[in-house]
Amino acid sequence: KEALQPQFKDYCRQIIKNAKALAEELQKRGFKVIGGGTDNHLLLLDMTAKQTTGKEAETVFEDAGVYTNKNMIPYDTRKPFDPSGIRIGTPAVTTRGFKEKEMEFCAQHMQDALEAKDDEGKKAELKEKAKELALKYPIYN
């Protein structure tokens, strides 16, 4: 029923706009986006450009309130349980009402999390910032 509603098309378009904006913002911060960008709702990032693994990045991001999945990348030399990449999607944040402006926050937040990966105080602060943003955009109004 939801997919048959006219506003569902707008929602899907925003998901893709958000993914493209997030890819662009991450690239500005030195992240390597596989394929150079996206045409759908997902991004695949090569974390070797940030001197980390996908498994470590997944944990660092989760500690900062950002949920991703470790993921193998094309020609990955690492093992599936500790791959080189992460996968991140935009449907969940789009459901909350995030637009392109919030994708800039997300990209910077991810960069800040990597820079603070060994600083428990900074990670807690980052998680609180993510929570504050999420509370401004509740899933259900």
Protein backbone atom coordinates (compact mmCIF):
# COMPACT_ATOMS: atom_id res chain seq x y z
CA LYS A 1 0.00 0.00 0.00
CA GLU A 2 2.78 2.45 0.91
CA ALA A 3 4.57 2.00 -2.43
CA LEU A 4 1.37 2.86 -4.30
CA GLN A 5 1.09 6.30 -2.68
CA PRO A 6 2.27 9.31 -4.75
CA GLN A 7 4.55 10.54 -1.93
CA PHE A 8 6.46 7.23 -2.05
CA LYS A 9 8.11 8.34 -5.30
CA ASP A 10 9.25 11.56 -3.61
CA TYR A 11 10.62 9.53 -0.70
CA CYS A 12 12.58 7.28 -3.07
CA ARG A 13 13.99 10.28 -4.93
CA GLN A 14 15.12 11.80 -1.62
CA ILE A 15 16.84 8.55 -0.62
CA ILE A 16 18.94 8.74 -3.79
CA LYS A 17 19.60 12.49 -3.39
CA ASN A 18 20.80 11.80 0.15
CA ALA A 19 23.05 8.95 -0.97
CA LYS A 20 24.62 11.10 -3.68
CA ALA A 21 25.10 14.00 -1.26
CA LEU A 22 26.63 11.71 1.37
CA ALA A 23 29.02 10.22 -1.20
CA GLU A 24 30.11 13.71 -2.28
CA GLU A 25 30.61 14.91 1.29
CA LEU A 26 32.57 11.79 2.25
CA GLN A 27 34.83 12.17 -0.78
CA LYS A 28 35.55 15.78 0.22
CA ARG A 29 36.85 14.34 3.51
CA GLY A 30 39.16 11.79 1.90
CA PHE A 31 36.93 8.72 1.93
CA LYS A 32 37.16 6.48 -1.12
CA VAL A 33 33.70 5.72 -2.48
CA ILE A 34 33.76 2.60 -4.64
CA GLY A 35 32.53 3.50 -8.11
CA GLY A 36 33.08 7.19 -7.42
CA GLY A 37 29.52 7.68 -6.18
CA THR A 38 26.14 5.99 -6.30
CA ASP A 39 22.95 5.81 -8.33
CA ASN A 40 20.97 4.08 -5.60
CA HIS A 41 20.50 4.01 -1.83
CA LEU A 42 23.84 2.45 -0.89
CA LEU A 43 27.47 3.48 -0.68
CA LEU A 44 30.44 1.17 -0.47
CA LEU A 45 33.53 2.73 1.08
CA ASP A 46 37.12 1.48 0.87
CA MET A 47 38.41 2.14 4.38
CA THR A 48 42.06 1.48 3.49
CA ALA A 49 42.23 5.13 2.40
CA LYS A 50 41.60 5.96 6.07
CA GLN A 51 44.22 3.46 7.35
CA THR A 52 41.58 1.22 8.92
CA THR A 53 39.62 -1.93 8.16
CA GLY A 54 35.92 -2.29 7.56
CA LYS A 55 35.52 -4.23 10.78
CA GLU A 56 37.27 -1.55 12.84
CA ALA A 57 35.39 1.27 11.07
CA GLU A 58 32.06 -0.45 11.73
CA THR A 59 32.84 -0.49 15.46
CA VAL A 60 34.20 3.07 15.53
CA PHE A 61 31.12 4.39 13.73
CA GLU A 62 28.75 2.43 15.96
CA ASP A 63 30.47 3.88 19.04
CA ALA A 64 29.68 7.33 17.56
CA GLY A 65 26.03 6.50 16.81
CA VAL A 66 26.39 5.71 13.09
CA TYR A 67 25.35 2.26 11.94
CA THR A 68 27.13 0.66 8.99
CA ASN A 69 28.10 -2.85 7.92
CA LYS A 70 31.57 -4.15 7.29
CA ASN A 71 31.68 -5.29 3.68
CA MET A 72 34.14 -6.68 1.18
CA ILE A 73 35.11 -4.41 -1.69
CA PRO A 74 36.07 -5.41 -5.25
CA TYR A 75 39.41 -7.26 -5.30
CA ASP A 76 39.52 -7.22 -1.50
CA THR A 77 42.64 -8.91 -0.15
CA ARG A 78 41.20 -9.16 3.37
CA LYS A 79 38.97 -11.91 4.74
CA PRO A 80 35.14 -11.65 4.79
CA PHE A 81 35.01 -11.34 8.59
CA ASP A 82 37.54 -8.49 8.54
CA PRO A 83 37.10 -6.85 5.13
CA SER A 84 38.44 -3.56 3.77
CA GLY A 85 35.13 -1.80 3.28
CA ILE A 86 31.90 -0.68 4.83
CA ARG A 87 28.44 -0.35 3.38
CA ILE A 88 26.12 2.48 4.37
CA GLY A 89 22.61 3.27 3.21
CA THR A 90 20.34 6.29 3.36
CA PRO A 91 16.76 4.92 3.65
CA ALA A 92 16.69 4.98 7.47
CA VAL A 93 17.85 8.59 7.78
CA THR A 94 15.58 9.64 4.92
CA THR A 95 12.66 8.08 6.79
CA ARG A 96 13.57 10.37 9.69
CA GLY A 97 13.41 13.39 7.38
CA PHE A 98 17.10 14.01 6.71
CA LYS A 99 17.89 15.93 3.55
CA GLU A 100 21.14 16.81 1.81
CA LYS A 101 22.12 19.29 4.53
CA GLU A 102 22.10 16.54 7.15
CA MET A 103 24.30 14.38 4.91
CA GLU A 104 27.04 16.95 5.42
CA PHE A 105 26.69 16.46 9.19
CA CYS A 106 26.80 12.67 8.75
CA ALA A 107 29.99 12.79 6.67
CA GLN A 108 31.72 15.10 9.13
CA HIS A 109 30.52 12.97 12.03
CA MET A 110 32.07 9.88 10.43
CA GLN A 111 35.34 11.73 9.88
CA ASP A 112 35.33 12.96 13.48
CA ALA A 113 34.64 9.43 14.73
CA LEU A 114 37.66 8.02 12.90
CA GLU A 115 39.86 10.78 14.26
CA ALA A 116 38.62 10.02 17.80
CA LYS A 117 38.76 6.23 17.57
CA ASP A 118 41.09 5.98 20.58
CA ASP A 119 39.46 8.74 22.63
CA GLU A 120 36.59 7.37 24.73
CA GLY A 121 35.47 10.83 25.88
CA LYS A 122 35.30 12.20 22.35
CA LYS A 123 33.45 9.08 21.15
CA ALA A 124 30.85 9.53 23.89
CA GLU A 125 30.48 13.17 22.89
CA LEU A 126 29.99 12.18 19.25
CA LYS A 127 27.37 9.59 20.18
CA GLU A 128 25.49 12.28 22.11
CA LYS A 129 25.59 14.59 19.06
CA ALA A 130 24.16 11.81 16.90
CA LYS A 131 21.42 11.20 19.47
CA GLU A 132 20.56 14.92 19.56
CA LEU A 133 20.18 15.00 15.78
CA ALA A 134 18.07 11.83 15.79
CA LEU A 135 15.77 13.34 18.41
CA LYS A 136 15.21 16.37 16.15
CA TYR A 137 14.05 13.94 13.46
CA PRO A 138 11.94 11.27 15.18
CA ILE A 139 10.90 8.25 13.13
CA TYR A 140 7.25 8.76 14.00
CA ASN A 141 5.64 12.15 14.51
